[in-house]
C-alpha atoms as a PDB file:
ATOM      1  CA  MET A   1      -6.119   4.234   7.401  1.00  0.00           C
ATOM      2  CA  PHE A   2      -6.330   0.571   8.202  1.00  0.00           C
ATOM      3  CA  ASP A   3     -10.137   0.504   8.047  1.00  0.00           C
ATOM      4  CA  SER A   4     -10.040   2.438   4.766  1.00  0.00           C
ATOM      5  CA  ALA A   5      -7.504  -0.093   3.256  1.00  0.00           C
ATOM      6  CA  LEU A   6      -9.731  -2.981   4.157  1.00  0.00           C
ATOM      7  CA  ARG A   7     -12.883  -1.321   2.924  1.00  0.00           C
ATOM      8  CA  LEU A   8     -11.385  -0.103  -0.457  1.00  0.00           C
ATOM      9  CA  THR A   9      -9.550  -3.355  -1.358  1.00  0.00           C
ATOM     10  CA  THR A  10     -11.186  -5.502  -4.066  1.00  0.00           C
ATOM     11  CA  PRO A  11      -9.858  -8.487  -5.974  1.00  0.00           C
ATOM     12  CA  THR A  12      -8.973  -6.278  -8.956  1.00  0.00           C
ATOM     13  CA  SER A  13      -7.676  -3.182  -7.231  1.00  0.00           C
ATOM     14  CA  SER A  14      -6.550  -1.684  -4.132  1.00  0.00           C
ATOM     15  CA  PRO A  15      -6.598   1.978  -2.836  1.00  0.00           C
ATOM     16  CA  THR A  16      -3.709   4.411  -3.624  1.00  0.00           C
ATOM     17  CA  LEU A  17      -2.417   6.784  -0.971  1.00  0.00           C
ATOM     18  CA  LEU A  18      -4.665   9.628  -2.402  1.00  0.00           C
ATOM     19  CA  GLU A  19      -7.758   7.249  -2.207  1.00  0.00           C
ATOM     20  CA  LEU A  20      -6.918   6.241   1.314  1.00  0.00           C
ATOM     21  CA  ALA A  21      -6.364   9.942   2.365  1.00  0.00           C
ATOM     22  CA  HIS A  22      -9.724  10.823   0.922  1.00  0.00           C
ATOM     23  CA  ASP A  23     -11.601   7.819   2.406  1.00  0.00           C
ATOM     24  CA  ALA A  24     -10.079   8.360   5.906  1.00  0.00           C
ATOM     25  CA  LYS A  25     -10.823  12.064   5.470  1.00  0.00           C
ATOM     26  CA  VAL A  26      -7.209  13.216   6.532  1.00  0.00           C
ATOM     27  CA  GLY A  27      -4.855  15.398   4.753  1.00  0.00           C
ATOM     28  CA  PHE A  28      -2.350  13.977   2.102  1.00  0.00           C
ATOM     29  CA  LYS A  29       0.786  14.807   4.141  1.00  0.00           C
ATOM     30  CA  ASP A  30      -0.669  13.004   7.182  1.00  0.00           C
ATOM     31  CA  ALA A  31      -1.766  10.117   5.027  1.00  0.00           C
ATOM     32  CA  ARG A  32       1.506   9.819   3.461  1.00  0.00           C
ATOM     33  CA  VAL A  33       3.537   9.677   6.959  1.00  0.00           C
ATOM     34  CA  THR A  34       0.972   7.219   8.328  1.00  0.00           C
ATOM     35  CA  VAL A  35       0.865   4.893   5.286  1.00  0.00           C
ATOM     36  CA  ASP A  36       4.829   4.965   5.288  1.00  0.00           C
ATOM     37  CA  ASN A  37       4.923   4.133   8.992  1.00  0.00           C
ATOM     38  CA  MET A  38       2.279   1.286   8.424  1.00  0.00           C
ATOM     39  CA  ARG A  39       4.202  -0.007   5.375  1.00  0.00           C
ATOM     40  CA  ARG A  40       7.540  -0.042   7.400  1.00  0.00           C
ATOM     41  CA  ALA A  41       5.771  -1.895  10.267  1.00  0.00           C
ATOM     42  CA  GLY A  42       4.174  -4.548   7.918  1.00  0.00           C
ATOM     43  CA  VAL A  43       0.697  -3.556   8.500  1.00  0.00           C
ATOM     44  CA  LEU A  44       0.255  -2.444   4.859  1.00  0.00           C
ATOM     45  CA  VAL A  45       2.030  -3.844   1.885  1.00  0.00           C
ATOM     46  CA  VAL A  46       2.332  -2.664  -1.682  1.00  0.00           C
ATOM     47  CA  VAL A  47       0.369  -5.018  -3.936  1.00  0.00           C
ATOM     48  CA  ARG A  48       0.911  -3.460  -7.421  1.00  0.00           C
ATOM     49  CA  THR A  49       1.277  -0.105  -9.130  1.00  0.00           C
ATOM     50  CA  ARG A  50      -1.360   1.687 -11.139  1.00  0.00           C
ATOM     51  CA  VAL A  51      -1.081   4.392 -13.916  1.00  0.00           C
ATOM     52  CA  VAL A  52      -3.173   7.464 -12.902  1.00  0.00           C
ATOM     53  CA  SER A  53      -3.896  10.704 -14.779  1.00  0.00           C
ATOM     54  CA  TYR A  54      -2.685  13.037 -12.069  1.00  0.00           C
ATOM     55  CA  ARG A  55       0.781  11.813 -11.807  1.00  0.00           C
ATOM     56  CA  ASN A  56       3.538  11.010 -14.408  1.00  0.00           C
ATOM     57  CA  ARG A  57       4.744   7.886 -12.641  1.00  0.00           C
ATOM     58  CA  PRO A  58       2.611   4.870 -11.470  1.00  0.00           C
ATOM     59  CA  VAL A  59       1.275   5.004  -7.966  1.00  0.00           C
ATOM     60  CA  ALA A  60       1.431   2.199  -5.470  1.00  0.00           C
ATOM     61  CA  GLU A  61      -1.725   0.352  -4.313  1.00  0.00           C
ATOM     62  CA  TYR A  62      -1.795  -0.770  -0.751  1.00  0.00           C
ATOM     63  CA  CYS A  63      -3.442  -3.520   1.133  1.00  0.00           C
ATOM     64  CA  THR A  64      -3.160  -5.492   4.436  1.00  0.00           C
ATOM     65  CA  PRO A  65      -1.316  -8.802   4.293  1.00  0.00           C
ATOM     66  CA  ALA A  66      -4.349 -10.693   5.798  1.00  0.00           C
ATOM     67  CA  ARG A  67      -6.558  -9.252   3.119  1.00  0.00           C
ATOM     68  CA  LEU A  68      -4.253 -10.538   0.457  1.00  0.00           C
ATOM     69  CA  GLU A  69      -4.534 -14.053   1.652  1.00  0.00           C
ATOM     70  CA  VAL A  70      -8.415 -13.884   1.661  1.00  0.00           C
ATOM     71  CA  LEU A  71      -8.545 -12.386  -1.750  1.00  0.00           C
ATOM     72  CA  GLY A  72      -5.966 -14.909  -3.089  1.00  0.00           C
ATOM     73  CA  VAL A  73      -3.479 -12.378  -4.513  1.00  0.00           C
ATOM     74  CA  LYS A  74      -0.129 -13.999  -5.130  1.00  0.00           C
ATOM     75  CA  ARG A  75       2.876 -12.080  -3.941  1.00  0.00           C
ATOM     76  CA  CYS A  76       6.401 -12.510  -5.287  1.00  0.00           C
ATOM     77  CA  ALA A  77       8.900 -14.037  -2.797  1.00  0.00           C
ATOM     78  CA  LEU A  78      11.853 -12.404  -4.286  1.00  0.00           C
ATOM     79  CA  ARG A  79      10.323  -9.025  -4.096  1.00  0.00           C
ATOM     80  CA  ASP A  80       9.459  -9.684  -0.415  1.00  0.00           C
ATOM     81  CA  ALA A  81      13.114 -10.656   0.283  1.00  0.00           C
ATOM     82  CA  PHE A  82      14.546  -7.577  -1.404  1.00  0.00           C
ATOM     83  CA  ALA A  83      12.058  -5.498   0.487  1.00  0.00           C
ATOM     84  CA  SER A  84      13.097  -6.825   3.881  1.00  0.00           C
ATOM     85  CA  TRP A  85      16.746  -6.800   3.081  1.00  0.00           C
ATOM     86  CA  ALA A  86      18.729  -4.667   5.567  1.00  0.00           C
ATOM     87  CA  THR A  87      20.716  -1.846   3.967  1.00  0.00           C
ATOM     88  CA  PRO A  88      23.521  -0.100   5.595  1.00  0.00           C
ATOM     89  CA  ILE A  89      23.074   3.619   6.283  1.00  0.00           C
ATOM     90  CA  VAL A  90      26.243   5.360   5.210  1.00  0.00           C
END
């Protein structure tokens, strides 16, 4: 998944979960679990969302934090703060 994210990321777009699964040649369910774990660990970050034809809602585009710096993509500090904010589990 990590290699797929690096390979598919361009300055104008990043891969979606479905594109990552297709490129890595794994099932969608396994890709979803892996990408979710990688996102929580900070290996992948959500860069932006994209409207696609196969879903009603926009899908997330994923990229590695190091690749974002190389491509010069600006990230929102407030969004990062809210994303890392600890929420109590009730």
